Amino acid sequence: MHVLYLLNISNPDRLSADSGWIFADLLAPALADAGAEVTVAAPAAAGDARCGFHQTQVPGTKYRARFSADIDELVALIRTEKPDVVVANQIEEAPAIRTALLEAGSNARLAGYCHYLPFSFTGGGQLLLDPSLNDAGLGRPVLLAFAAGLAACDRVMVHSSTAASWVSAAAARMTVHLGDRLRVVPAPRDERLVRDPITAHRRQRSGAIGVYNHRLYAHYGTERFVHLTRDLVASGAVHLRVMDLFGQRRPARTGLDDSPERMRDRLAALPHVQVVSDQGDRVRYKELLADARFGIAPFRPGCPWSMSLIDCQGMGLPVIASRLGWLAEHIDPELCFTTPAEAVALAERLATDDEFHALHAKRAHASTTDFAPALVAARYLEALS
């Protein structure tokens, strides 16, 4: 099977902060190991030497990535590669890819991966547009483009059962009938960030470190984290390490949303909070996780997946989380909270109770076992067949 993987990269200046690129970089070699031929078309190469690469332009903004597909380029690429399957990692591009397949005379299967959902649902079933894709009222056009992408695909892949439920519900509201085309295929864990949970069973001498290793966008619920931070560090039992994953961003990105920079500065001004950067180095990133005691999940309502959370769990770090979206599906119920007081109690217990911590370190690590790249690649190829 020849797979042409079309990858949009939103963070070309800091690939280690682009979960879509990391996903492709981990998955492509695993697909090759399973016997597939893989070509990645993206602004930066992903995979290993066995994987082909076609360089594409960086879309200036997240909206251009959804509304400015170059059909001429797609036609030429499809004619050159002659794929059996084309994967659209930016599912809104699927109608353009379907058009290119038609023009190129290709009968390749088209699969869309819903890497990012432009909506979420409340507990009462109300559909909410993702605020990060709603500048100048573009949220509804993006949602409609997402629905058009679903309609254009032979296969639709999502990260989790929560995402499958949300995508199915949104599609039904827009009269797109997915039938048996929907598959749950999680992202692979990074094997470089996996360790025996026994080695995570260490208590810091002065203030256990809780790590927050998520993007600092406002739509990730970072404001809630800022407010919670004061409570978490009040007793001195917990110190916080906040990851600055982006570093210096391009003006085109900060012009649309400067909340990461604003949130970073606010957090850096708080006591017992350390804002650190891995400088895009995965070895340094692992070191920053390795001496932490536990992780904290993002507060993003529309969270269908979190690679940063899986990074923590693979390292044997228990993660505490608000009961939101996929977080409520994946995190151990004993580590979910509803109120700030519950979050503080969990953090302090993980910081001071070695037996409780050891139990949840093992559970956290075990929860990522099925995300080993070889297992994910097998599910991926089964979904594409």
Protein backbone atom coordinates (compact mmCIF):
# COMPACT_ATOMS: atom_id res chain seq x y z
CA MET A 1 0.00 0.00 0.00
CA HIS A 2 1.36 3.41 -1.00
CA VAL A 3 0.20 6.10 1.42
CA LEU A 4 0.44 9.78 0.47
CA TYR A 5 0.26 11.67 3.76
CA LEU A 6 -0.70 15.34 3.36
CA LEU A 7 0.42 17.17 6.48
CA ASN A 8 -0.26 20.77 7.44
CA ILE A 9 2.30 22.17 9.90
CA SER A 10 1.19 25.14 11.96
CA ASN A 11 4.46 25.58 13.87
CA PRO A 12 7.34 25.19 11.38
CA ASP A 13 9.61 27.26 13.61
CA ARG A 14 9.16 24.84 16.53
CA LEU A 15 8.28 21.38 15.20
CA SER A 16 8.47 19.88 18.69
CA ALA A 17 5.37 21.94 19.56
CA ASP A 18 3.38 20.75 16.53
CA SER A 19 1.48 17.62 17.55
CA GLY A 20 0.45 16.90 13.95
CA TRP A 21 4.08 16.79 12.85
CA ILE A 22 5.10 14.66 15.85
CA PHE A 23 2.24 12.26 15.06
CA ALA A 24 3.45 11.90 11.45
CA ASP A 25 7.10 11.63 12.48
CA LEU A 26 6.26 8.73 14.82
CA LEU A 27 3.66 7.06 12.61
CA ALA A 28 5.40 7.11 9.21
CA PRO A 29 8.31 4.83 10.25
CA ALA A 30 5.87 2.47 11.99
CA LEU A 31 3.82 2.27 8.77
CA ALA A 32 7.01 1.51 6.85
CA ASP A 33 7.87 -1.21 9.38
CA ALA A 34 4.44 -2.70 8.66
CA GLY A 35 5.19 -2.85 4.93
CA ALA A 36 3.57 0.34 3.67
CA GLU A 37 5.25 2.78 1.30
CA VAL A 38 4.88 6.28 2.73
CA THR A 39 5.35 9.72 1.19
CA VAL A 40 4.87 12.77 3.40
CA ALA A 41 3.91 16.04 1.71
CA ALA A 42 4.51 18.83 4.23
CA PRO A 43 6.52 22.00 4.88
CA ALA A 44 9.07 19.86 6.79
CA ALA A 45 10.08 16.23 6.44
CA ALA A 46 8.67 13.64 8.84
CA GLY A 47 9.54 9.99 9.34
CA ASP A 48 12.85 8.37 8.45
CA ALA A 49 15.00 7.70 5.39
CA ARG A 50 12.54 5.11 4.07
CA CYS A 51 9.78 7.72 3.78
CA GLY A 52 9.48 9.89 0.70
CA PHE A 53 9.12 13.65 1.11
CA HIS A 54 7.52 16.37 -0.99
CA GLN A 55 7.99 19.88 0.37
CA THR A 56 4.95 22.16 0.42
CA GLN A 57 4.54 25.79 1.41
CA VAL A 58 3.77 26.87 4.95
CA PRO A 59 0.18 28.17 5.04
CA GLY A 60 0.51 31.66 6.52
CA THR A 61 -2.33 31.19 9.02
CA LYS A 62 -4.59 28.43 10.33
CA TYR A 63 -7.35 29.77 8.06
CA ARG A 64 -5.23 29.54 4.92
CA ALA A 65 -4.55 25.92 5.87
CA ARG A 66 -8.28 25.32 5.60
CA PHE A 67 -9.29 27.52 2.69
CA SER A 68 -6.36 27.79 0.26
CA ALA A 69 -5.56 24.32 -1.11
CA ASP A 70 -3.53 24.36 -4.34
CA ILE A 71 -5.40 21.90 -6.57
CA ASP A 72 -2.83 22.17 -9.37
CA GLU A 73 -0.10 21.10 -6.96
CA LEU A 74 -2.26 18.27 -5.63
CA VAL A 75 -2.98 16.96 -9.14
CA ALA A 76 0.72 16.98 -10.03
CA LEU A 77 1.63 15.26 -6.75
CA ILE A 78 -0.98 12.54 -7.17
CA ARG A 79 0.12 11.85 -10.75
CA THR A 80 3.74 11.59 -9.62
CA GLU A 81 3.18 9.46 -6.52
CA LYS A 82 0.32 7.26 -7.79
CA PRO A 83 -0.87 6.52 -4.23
CA ASP A 84 -3.32 3.84 -3.16
CA VAL A 85 -4.46 6.01 -0.25
CA VAL A 86 -4.31 9.76 0.34
CA VAL A 87 -4.51 10.93 3.96
CA ALA A 88 -5.75 14.47 4.60
CA ASN A 89 -4.50 15.49 8.02
CA GLN A 90 -6.32 18.83 7.52
CA ILE A 91 -9.75 17.40 6.87
CA GLU A 92 -11.17 20.67 5.52
CA GLU A 93 -8.89 20.11 2.48
CA ALA A 94 -10.61 16.83 1.58
CA PRO A 95 -12.99 18.32 -1.05
CA ALA A 96 -10.02 19.88 -2.86
CA ILE A 97 -8.13 16.58 -2.66
CA ARG A 98 -11.16 14.72 -4.01
CA THR A 99 -11.26 17.19 -6.89
CA ALA A 100 -7.56 16.61 -7.56
CA LEU A 101 -8.04 12.83 -7.51
CA LEU A 102 -10.80 13.21 -10.08
CA GLU A 103 -8.68 15.41 -12.34
CA ALA A 104 -5.66 13.13 -11.99
CA GLY A 105 -7.74 10.09 -12.91
CA SER A 106 -6.83 8.37 -9.64
CA ASN A 107 -9.03 5.90 -7.81
CA ALA A 108 -7.01 6.21 -4.57
CA ARG A 109 -8.96 5.99 -1.34
CA LEU A 110 -9.26 9.30 0.54
CA ALA A 111 -8.98 9.22 4.33
CA GLY A 112 -9.37 12.22 6.58
CA TYR A 113 -7.87 12.44 10.06
CA CYS A 114 -9.77 14.76 12.40
CA HIS A 115 -6.64 15.95 14.16
CA TYR A 116 -8.38 19.08 15.45
CA LEU A 117 -12.11 19.60 15.96
CA PRO A 118 -13.43 23.14 15.33
CA PHE A 119 -16.28 22.54 17.80
CA SER A 120 -17.22 20.80 21.03
CA PHE A 121 -20.41 19.80 22.81
CA THR A 122 -21.68 20.75 26.24
CA GLY A 123 -23.04 18.12 28.59
CA GLY A 124 -26.49 19.17 27.43
CA GLY A 125 -25.68 18.51 23.77
CA GLN A 126 -25.18 22.13 22.67
CA LEU A 127 -22.66 22.52 19.85
CA LEU A 128 -20.06 25.21 20.58
CA LEU A 129 -17.70 26.69 17.99
CA ASP A 130 -14.04 26.56 18.93
CA PRO A 131 -13.05 30.17 19.71
CA SER A 132 -9.59 29.64 18.23
CA LEU A 133 -11.16 29.31 14.77
CA ASN A 134 -13.79 32.00 15.09
CA ASP A 135 -11.87 35.19 14.29
CA ALA A 136 -14.01 37.63 12.28
CA GLY A 137 -16.91 35.18 12.41
CA LEU A 138 -15.04 32.44 10.54
CA GLY A 139 -16.07 29.73 13.00
CA ARG A 140 -19.19 28.71 11.10
CA PRO A 141 -17.48 28.65 7.67
CA VAL A 142 -14.75 26.46 9.21
CA LEU A 143 -17.42 24.16 10.66
CA LEU A 144 -19.11 23.88 7.26
CA ALA A 145 -15.76 23.20 5.60
CA PHE A 146 -15.15 20.48 8.20
CA ALA A 147 -18.51 18.91 7.34
CA ALA A 148 -17.69 19.10 3.63
CA GLY A 149 -14.41 17.32 4.37
CA LEU A 150 -16.26 14.53 6.17
CA ALA A 151 -18.57 14.13 3.19
CA ALA A 152 -15.63 13.89 0.76
CA CYS A 153 -13.79 11.10 2.59
CA ASP A 154 -13.94 7.33 2.15
CA ARG A 155 -12.65 6.95 5.70
CA VAL A 156 -12.80 9.33 8.65
CA MET A 157 -10.38 8.77 11.54
CA VAL A 158 -10.56 10.32 15.01
CA HIS A 159 -8.40 10.09 18.14
CA SER A 160 -10.88 8.83 20.72
CA SER A 161 -14.38 7.62 21.51
CA THR A 162 -15.25 11.12 22.70
CA ALA A 163 -14.11 12.57 19.36
CA ALA A 164 -16.08 9.88 17.50
CA SER A 165 -19.22 10.81 19.41
CA TRP A 166 -18.76 14.53 18.76
CA VAL A 167 -17.92 14.12 15.06
CA SER A 168 -20.89 11.81 14.53
CA ALA A 169 -23.24 14.25 16.28
CA ALA A 170 -21.93 17.26 14.35
CA ALA A 171 -22.10 15.40 11.04
CA ALA A 172 -25.69 14.33 11.67
CA ARG A 173 -26.73 17.94 12.37
CA MET A 174 -25.32 18.92 8.98
CA THR A 175 -26.91 15.94 7.17
CA VAL A 176 -23.58 14.22 6.53
CA HIS A 177 -24.10 10.49 7.01
CA LEU A 178 -20.86 8.78 8.04
CA GLY A 179 -22.26 5.26 7.99
CA ASP A 180 -19.42 2.78 8.57
CA ARG A 181 -16.68 5.20 7.47
CA LEU A 182 -15.69 6.35 10.98
CA ARG A 183 -12.73 4.74 12.76
CA VAL A 184 -11.07 5.45 16.13
CA VAL A 185 -7.28 5.48 15.66
CA PRO A 186 -5.34 7.15 18.51
CA ALA A 187 -2.08 9.00 18.04
CA PRO A 188 1.11 7.04 18.84
CA ARG A 189 3.07 7.71 22.00
CA ASP A 190 6.67 8.82 21.69
CA GLU A 191 8.79 5.84 22.75
CA ARG A 192 11.60 8.24 23.67
CA LEU A 193 9.30 9.49 26.44
CA VAL A 194 8.56 6.13 28.03
CA ARG A 195 10.13 4.86 31.24
CA ASP A 196 9.46 2.31 33.96
CA PRO A 197 6.99 3.94 36.40
CA ILE A 198 9.08 2.70 39.32
CA THR A 199 11.69 5.34 38.48
CA ALA A 200 8.99 8.01 38.72
CA HIS A 201 8.46 7.08 42.38
CA ARG A 202 10.56 9.89 43.85
CA ARG A 203 9.54 12.70 46.13
CA GLN A 204 11.27 16.06 45.83
CA ARG A 205 12.81 17.35 49.03
CA SER A 206 11.20 20.79 48.94
CA GLY A 207 8.00 21.15 46.99
CA ALA A 208 7.01 18.38 44.58
CA ILE A 209 6.91 19.59 40.98
CA GLY A 210 3.65 19.57 39.08
CA VAL A 211 4.23 20.06 35.34
CA TYR A 212 1.91 21.86 32.92
CA ASN A 213 3.26 21.05 29.43
CA HIS A 214 0.46 22.33 27.19
CA ARG A 215 0.10 25.18 24.75
CA LEU A 216 -0.75 28.39 26.56
CA TYR A 217 -3.53 29.52 24.23
CA ALA A 218 -6.53 31.08 25.95
CA HIS A 219 -8.82 28.54 24.24
CA TYR A 220 -6.94 25.76 26.09
CA GLY A 221 -8.53 27.10 29.27
CA THR A 222 -5.26 28.63 30.42
CA GLU A 223 -7.10 31.35 32.34
CA ARG A 224 -8.55 28.65 34.59
CA PHE A 225 -5.09 27.23 35.11
CA VAL A 226 -3.72 30.67 36.05
CA HIS A 227 -6.40 31.05 38.73
CA LEU A 228 -5.88 27.49 39.99
CA THR A 229 -2.12 28.00 40.20
CA ARG A 230 -2.39 30.31 43.20
CA ASP A 231 -4.28 27.63 45.12
CA LEU A 232 -1.97 24.81 44.08
CA VAL A 233 1.19 26.49 45.39
CA ALA A 234 -0.31 28.14 48.47
CA SER A 235 0.75 25.47 50.98
CA GLY A 236 4.27 25.09 49.61
CA ALA A 237 3.83 21.33 49.11
CA VAL A 238 3.66 21.83 45.34
CA HIS A 239 5.77 23.89 42.97
CA LEU A 240 4.73 24.29 39.32
CA ARG A 241 6.77 23.97 36.15
CA VAL A 242 5.09 25.54 33.12
CA MET A 243 6.43 24.68 29.67
CA ASP A 244 6.88 27.49 27.16
CA LEU A 245 6.54 25.27 24.10
CA PHE A 246 6.42 27.96 21.42
CA GLY A 247 9.27 30.31 22.20
CA GLN A 248 9.35 33.27 19.79
CA ARG A 249 6.44 32.93 17.35
CA ARG A 250 6.06 34.47 13.91
CA PRO A 251 4.15 37.80 13.65
CA ALA A 252 1.49 36.13 11.49
CA ARG A 253 0.66 33.87 14.42
CA THR A 254 0.89 36.37 17.26
CA GLY A 255 -1.20 38.79 15.21
CA LEU A 256 -4.10 36.34 15.27
CA ASP A 257 -3.68 35.31 18.90
CA ASP A 258 -1.12 36.63 21.37
CA SER A 259 -2.62 34.82 24.35
CA PRO A 260 0.34 32.39 24.75
CA GLU A 261 2.69 35.28 25.32
CA ARG A 262 0.30 37.04 27.71
CA MET A 263 -0.41 33.87 29.70
CA ARG A 264 3.28 33.03 29.88
CA ASP A 265 4.10 36.42 31.39
CA ARG A 266 1.29 36.18 33.94
CA LEU A 267 2.38 32.72 35.06
CA ALA A 268 6.03 33.72 35.28
CA ALA A 269 5.10 36.47 37.73
CA LEU A 270 3.53 34.05 40.24
CA PRO A 271 5.43 32.63 43.24
CA HIS A 272 6.60 29.00 43.12
CA VAL A 273 6.01 28.91 39.35
CA GLN A 274 8.89 28.23 36.98
CA VAL A 275 8.35 28.91 33.26
CA VAL A 276 10.86 26.90 31.25
CA SER A 277 11.61 26.17 27.59
CA ASP A 278 12.96 22.98 26.07
CA GLN A 279 14.26 25.03 23.11
CA GLY A 280 12.69 22.49 20.78
CA ASP A 281 14.99 19.74 22.09
CA ARG A 282 13.16 16.47 22.89
CA VAL A 283 16.02 15.32 25.15
CA ARG A 284 15.70 18.50 27.20
CA TYR A 285 11.91 18.09 27.17
CA LYS A 286 12.26 14.58 28.64
CA GLU A 287 14.59 15.89 31.34
CA LEU A 288 12.07 18.55 32.33
CA LEU A 289 9.36 15.89 32.67
CA ALA A 290 11.61 13.34 34.36
CA ASP A 291 12.05 15.13 37.69
CA ALA A 292 8.40 16.19 37.98
CA ARG A 293 6.04 14.38 40.35
CA PHE A 294 2.77 14.67 38.41
CA GLY A 295 1.16 16.42 35.46
CA ILE A 296 -1.82 18.73 35.07
CA ALA A 297 -4.18 18.39 32.10
CA PRO A 298 -5.34 21.39 30.06
CA PHE A 299 -8.76 22.94 30.68
CA ARG A 300 -9.76 22.99 27.02
CA PRO A 301 -13.50 22.16 26.69
CA GLY A 302 -13.14 20.70 23.19
CA CYS A 303 -10.26 18.37 24.04
CA PRO A 304 -10.47 15.20 21.89
CA TRP A 305 -6.85 14.24 22.67
CA SER A 306 -3.69 15.59 24.29
CA MET A 307 -0.28 14.39 23.18
CA SER A 308 1.39 16.34 26.01
CA LEU A 309 -0.74 14.48 28.53
CA ILE A 310 0.27 11.13 27.00
CA ASP A 311 3.92 12.26 27.24
CA CYS A 312 3.50 12.64 31.01
CA GLN A 313 1.74 9.32 31.44
CA GLY A 314 4.30 7.43 29.37
CA MET A 315 6.93 8.81 31.74
CA GLY A 316 4.98 7.43 34.69
CA LEU A 317 3.60 10.79 35.82
CA PRO A 318 0.02 10.67 37.11
CA VAL A 319 -2.07 13.47 35.58
CA ILE A 320 -4.88 15.30 37.34
CA ALA A 321 -7.67 16.64 35.15
CA SER A 322 -10.94 18.47 35.16
CA ARG A 323 -13.87 16.35 33.98
CA LEU A 324 -13.96 17.62 30.39
CA GLY A 325 -14.33 15.85 27.04
CA TRP A 326 -11.81 13.10 26.36
CA LEU A 327 -10.07 13.86 29.65
CA ALA A 328 -13.03 12.37 31.52
CA GLU A 329 -12.85 9.33 29.23
CA HIS A 330 -9.13 8.68 29.60
CA ILE A 331 -7.94 9.89 33.02
CA ASP A 332 -8.36 7.62 36.03
CA PRO A 333 -11.57 8.74 37.80
CA GLU A 334 -9.65 9.03 41.08
CA LEU A 335 -7.57 11.82 39.51
CA CYS A 336 -10.46 13.84 38.07
CA PHE A 337 -11.71 16.92 39.86
CA THR A 338 -14.58 19.37 39.60
CA THR A 339 -13.62 22.17 42.00
CA PRO A 340 -10.32 23.96 42.69
CA ALA A 341 -10.35 22.53 46.21
CA GLU A 342 -10.51 18.99 44.82
CA ALA A 343 -7.62 19.78 42.45
CA VAL A 344 -5.49 21.05 45.34
CA ALA A 345 -6.27 17.98 47.45
CA LEU A 346 -5.26 15.65 44.60
CA ALA A 347 -2.06 17.55 43.86
CA GLU A 348 -1.00 17.59 47.51
CA ARG A 349 -1.79 13.91 47.94
CA LEU A 350 0.31 13.01 44.89
CA ALA A 351 3.06 15.23 46.29
CA THR A 352 3.13 13.63 49.75
CA ASP A 353 1.54 10.16 49.64
CA ASP A 354 4.12 7.79 48.12
CA GLU A 355 1.80 4.79 48.00
CA PHE A 356 -0.96 6.74 46.24
CA HIS A 357 1.57 8.20 43.82
CA ALA A 358 3.15 4.84 43.02
CA LEU A 359 -0.25 3.28 42.29
CA HIS A 360 -1.22 6.04 39.89
CA ALA A 361 2.21 6.19 38.27
CA LYS A 362 1.73 2.54 37.25
CA ARG A 363 -1.81 3.18 36.05
CA ALA A 364 -0.72 6.23 34.06
CA HIS A 365 2.05 4.31 32.32
CA ALA A 366 -0.24 1.35 31.60
CA SER A 367 -2.88 3.63 30.03
CA THR A 368 -0.46 4.41 27.17
CA THR A 369 0.51 0.81 26.30
CA ASP A 370 -1.97 0.54 23.43
CA PHE A 371 -0.49 3.71 21.89
CA ALA A 372 2.84 2.08 20.98
CA PRO A 373 3.60 3.12 17.36
CA ALA A 374 3.53 -0.45 15.99
CA LEU A 375 0.05 -1.04 17.45
CA VAL A 376 -1.24 2.31 16.19
CA ALA A 377 0.20 1.67 12.71
CA ALA A 378 -1.65 -1.65 12.56
CA ARG A 379 -4.93 0.08 13.46
CA TYR A 380 -4.17 2.85 10.97
CA LEU A 381 -3.60 0.42 8.08
CA GLU A 382 -6.70 -1.54 9.04
CA ALA A 383 -8.72 1.69 8.91
CA LEU A 384 -7.31 2.53 5.49
CA SER A 385 -8.03 -0.90 4.01
